[in-house]
Protein backbone atom coordinates (compact mmCIF):
# COMPACT_ATOMS: atom_id res chain seq x y z
CA UNK A 1 -15.38 -20.03 -97.05
CA UNK A 2 -16.05 -16.47 -95.91
CA UNK A 3 -16.15 -17.63 -92.24
CA UNK A 4 -12.87 -19.55 -92.58
CA UNK A 5 -11.18 -16.47 -94.06
CA UNK A 6 -12.52 -14.33 -91.19
CA UNK A 7 -11.20 -16.80 -88.59
CA UNK A 8 -7.76 -16.88 -90.22
CA UNK A 9 -7.61 -13.08 -90.33
CA UNK A 10 -8.67 -12.84 -86.68
CA UNK A 11 -6.08 -15.44 -85.61
CA UNK A 12 -3.29 -13.65 -87.49
CA UNK A 13 -4.31 -10.26 -86.09
CA UNK A 14 -4.55 -11.38 -82.44
CA UNK A 15 -1.30 -13.33 -82.73
CA UNK A 16 0.51 -10.16 -83.75
CA UNK A 17 -0.77 -7.99 -80.92
CA UNK A 18 -0.31 -10.58 -78.21
CA UNK A 19 -2.80 -12.49 -76.17
CA UNK A 20 -4.72 -12.39 -72.93
CA UNK A 21 -3.31 -14.75 -70.30
CA UNK A 22 -4.16 -15.37 -66.67
CA UNK A 23 -2.21 -14.09 -63.68
CA UNK A 24 -1.56 -17.72 -62.77
CA UNK A 25 0.00 -18.43 -66.19
CA UNK A 26 2.35 -15.46 -65.88
CA UNK A 27 3.33 -16.51 -62.34
CA UNK A 28 4.59 -19.82 -63.77
CA UNK A 29 6.83 -18.34 -66.44
CA UNK A 30 10.48 -17.38 -66.30
CA UNK A 31 11.03 -13.92 -67.85
CA UNK A 32 12.65 -14.01 -71.29
CA UNK A 33 12.38 -17.82 -71.41
CA UNK A 34 8.85 -19.17 -71.04
CA UNK A 35 6.61 -16.12 -70.84
CA UNK A 36 3.87 -15.83 -73.42
CA UNK A 37 3.67 -12.67 -75.51
CA UNK A 38 0.77 -11.28 -73.50
CA UNK A 39 -0.81 -7.93 -74.16
CA UNK A 40 -3.13 -8.38 -71.16
CA UNK A 41 -2.46 -10.32 -67.94
CA UNK A 42 -6.00 -10.75 -66.68
CA UNK A 43 -7.45 -12.03 -63.43
CA UNK A 44 -9.46 -14.60 -65.38
CA UNK A 45 -10.08 -16.78 -62.30
CA UNK A 46 -10.95 -13.84 -60.00
CA UNK A 47 -8.02 -14.80 -57.76
CA UNK A 48 -7.51 -11.21 -56.59
CA UNK A 49 -11.06 -10.85 -55.28
CA UNK A 50 -10.32 -12.63 -52.01
CA UNK A 51 -7.86 -9.84 -51.06
CA UNK A 52 -10.21 -6.94 -51.81
CA UNK A 53 -11.54 -5.03 -48.82
CA UNK A 54 -10.42 -3.73 -45.46
CA UNK A 55 -8.22 -5.77 -43.13
CA UNK A 56 -7.06 -4.94 -39.59
CA UNK A 57 -4.50 -6.32 -37.18
CA UNK A 58 -1.71 -5.37 -34.82
CA UNK A 59 1.94 -6.15 -34.32
CA UNK A 60 4.46 -4.94 -31.73
CA UNK A 61 2.09 -2.35 -30.22
CA UNK A 62 1.02 -0.87 -33.56
CA UNK A 63 -2.37 -1.10 -35.26
CA UNK A 64 -2.45 -1.78 -38.99
CA UNK A 65 -5.37 -1.12 -41.31
CA UNK A 66 -4.99 -2.21 -44.92
CA UNK A 67 -7.39 -1.66 -47.79
CA UNK A 68 -7.02 -3.34 -51.16
CA UNK A 69 -8.90 -2.60 -54.36
CA UNK A 70 -8.71 -4.43 -57.66
CA UNK A 71 -7.85 -2.40 -60.75
CA UNK A 72 -8.30 -3.89 -64.21
CA UNK A 73 -6.48 -3.19 -67.45
CA UNK A 74 -3.67 -1.13 -65.85
CA UNK A 75 -0.43 -0.27 -67.63
CA UNK A 76 0.88 1.02 -70.91
CA UNK A 77 2.60 -1.63 -73.03
CA UNK A 78 1.27 -4.66 -71.19
CA UNK A 79 -2.07 -4.32 -69.40
CA UNK A 80 -2.57 -6.12 -66.07
CA UNK A 81 -5.15 -6.65 -63.39
CA UNK A 82 -3.57 -5.71 -60.05
CA UNK A 83 -4.31 -4.77 -56.48
CA UNK A 84 -3.74 -1.25 -55.19
CA UNK A 85 -3.04 -1.07 -51.47
CA UNK A 86 -3.49 1.50 -48.79
CA UNK A 87 -2.24 1.30 -45.22
CA UNK A 88 -2.74 3.28 -42.04
CA UNK A 89 -0.46 2.62 -39.06
CA UNK A 90 -1.16 3.98 -35.59
CA UNK A 91 0.87 3.48 -32.43
CA UNK A 92 -0.53 2.36 -29.03
CA UNK A 93 -1.41 6.00 -28.19
CA UNK A 94 -3.47 6.39 -31.37
CA UNK A 95 -0.91 8.60 -33.10
CA UNK A 96 -0.88 8.06 -36.86
CA UNK A 97 2.60 7.05 -37.99
CA UNK A 98 1.83 6.38 -41.65
CA UNK A 99 -1.30 6.90 -43.74
CA UNK A 100 -1.75 6.76 -47.52
CA UNK A 101 -5.55 6.31 -47.49
CA UNK A 102 -6.14 9.76 -49.01
CA UNK A 103 -3.68 9.27 -51.88
CA UNK A 104 -5.01 8.69 -55.40
CA UNK A 105 -4.65 5.13 -56.76
CA UNK A 106 -1.61 6.16 -58.81
CA UNK A 107 0.22 7.56 -55.75
CA UNK A 108 -0.27 4.99 -52.95
CA UNK A 109 3.18 3.48 -53.58
CA UNK A 110 1.68 0.08 -52.76
CA UNK A 111 1.07 -1.73 -56.04
CA UNK A 112 0.35 -5.31 -57.02
CA UNK A 113 2.91 -7.33 -58.91
CA UNK A 114 1.73 -10.95 -59.30
CA UNK A 115 1.48 -14.27 -57.55
CA UNK A 116 4.44 -16.35 -56.45
CA UNK A 117 5.06 -19.38 -58.65
CA UNK A 118 3.33 -21.70 -56.13
CA UNK A 119 0.32 -19.31 -56.12
CA UNK A 120 0.23 -19.23 -52.30
CA UNK A 121 1.17 -15.55 -51.98
CA UNK A 122 0.36 -12.40 -53.92
CA UNK A 123 3.28 -9.94 -54.12
CA UNK A 124 2.88 -6.20 -53.88
CA UNK A 125 5.62 -3.61 -54.18
CA UNK A 126 5.63 -1.18 -51.24
CA UNK A 127 7.54 2.09 -50.91
CA UNK A 128 7.33 3.36 -47.35
CA UNK A 129 7.74 6.77 -45.81
CA UNK A 130 11.53 7.08 -45.78
CA UNK A 131 13.29 6.76 -49.10
CA UNK A 132 17.01 6.10 -49.04
CA UNK A 133 16.84 3.75 -46.03
CA UNK A 134 15.67 0.46 -47.60
CA UNK A 135 11.99 1.27 -46.98
CA UNK A 136 10.90 -0.44 -50.17
CA UNK A 137 10.42 -4.01 -51.23
CA UNK A 138 7.82 -6.76 -51.57
CA UNK A 139 4.91 -7.38 -49.24
CA UNK A 140 3.71 -11.00 -49.41
CA UNK A 141 -0.05 -11.37 -48.92
CA UNK A 142 -1.23 -14.84 -47.92
CA UNK A 143 -4.77 -16.11 -47.41
CA UNK A 144 -5.16 -19.80 -46.70
CA UNK A 145 -8.22 -21.46 -48.29
CA UNK A 146 -9.39 -22.80 -44.93
CA UNK A 147 -9.40 -19.30 -43.34
CA UNK A 148 -10.65 -16.87 -46.02
CA UNK A 149 -11.20 -14.04 -43.52
CA UNK A 150 -7.62 -14.14 -42.21
CA UNK A 151 -4.61 -12.74 -44.04
CA UNK A 152 -0.93 -12.52 -43.20
CA UNK A 153 1.46 -9.95 -44.63
CA UNK A 154 5.23 -10.16 -44.52
CA UNK A 155 7.48 -7.36 -45.82
CA UNK A 156 10.94 -8.07 -47.25
CA UNK A 157 13.06 -5.01 -48.16
CA UNK A 158 14.50 -4.96 -51.66
CA UNK A 159 18.10 -3.79 -51.28
CA UNK A 160 20.69 -3.20 -48.59
CA UNK A 161 22.17 -0.02 -50.02
CA UNK A 162 21.40 3.16 -48.12
CA UNK A 163 21.92 6.71 -49.33
CA UNK A 164 21.84 8.50 -45.97
CA UNK A 165 22.33 7.96 -42.23
CA UNK A 166 19.85 5.24 -41.30
CA UNK A 167 21.29 4.18 -37.94
CA UNK A 168 17.98 4.54 -36.01
CA UNK A 169 15.72 3.72 -38.93
CA UNK A 170 12.95 1.11 -38.94
CA UNK A 171 10.97 0.22 -42.06
CA UNK A 172 7.37 1.44 -42.26
CA UNK A 173 6.13 -2.16 -42.35
CA UNK A 174 8.01 -4.46 -39.96
CA UNK A 175 10.78 -6.34 -41.75
CA UNK A 176 10.49 -10.13 -41.98
CA UNK A 177 7.71 -10.25 -39.37
CA UNK A 178 4.21 -11.51 -40.00
CA UNK A 179 1.29 -9.15 -39.48
CA UNK A 180 -1.91 -11.15 -38.91
CA UNK A 181 -5.03 -9.45 -40.23
CA UNK A 182 -8.78 -10.04 -40.07
CA UNK A 183 -11.26 -9.05 -42.77
CA UNK A 184 -13.57 -6.23 -41.63
C-alpha cells in the first residue's frame, strides 16, 4: 500500500512539472497542437553525437572549418540538448573572413534547434557577421547513414527584409549552396 501511494504521488508530481521527451518526438509535433508538455527535450537516442567534432571542406574558393559540441540541459523554461557550432572561413589566400572559434558557447551565434520532421537534417540557427542584411537563418546539417564521416550543410536565410544598404552583400555562409565536409 505504501509503495502504491508513493507511485501515485510520483506520477502526479512529474505530470505537473512536465516530462522528458526525445528530440525525435519533439521533431514530430506541431507547436500548440501535438507537442507534449516537456520540461526536458533530451537526446535520449544520442542522435546528436554523430555531428560532434571538427569538419572541414571548401566551396567557391573558400575553406570552411566547423566544430560542433553537444550541450545538455540548456535553457530556462524548457531544457534541451543541443549542438553549439563554431565556424572559421578563410579565402584562397588564407585570409580569415569569419571566425567565432574563440567565442564562449553562449556567444557563438550558431545554436542547435532540432531535427526536421523526417529526421534527415538537424537545424541550427546561425547569425553571421553582418546584421541587417539577412545574414541569419537556418543551417541544415545532413549526415547520411552510409557515409558517417561526410556531412553537408546548406544555409537558408530567414527573412528578406533589410535595414541598411546591402547591394554588395553576401551572406557569411553561402546561401542555398551545399558545403560538403569531411570529419577530421
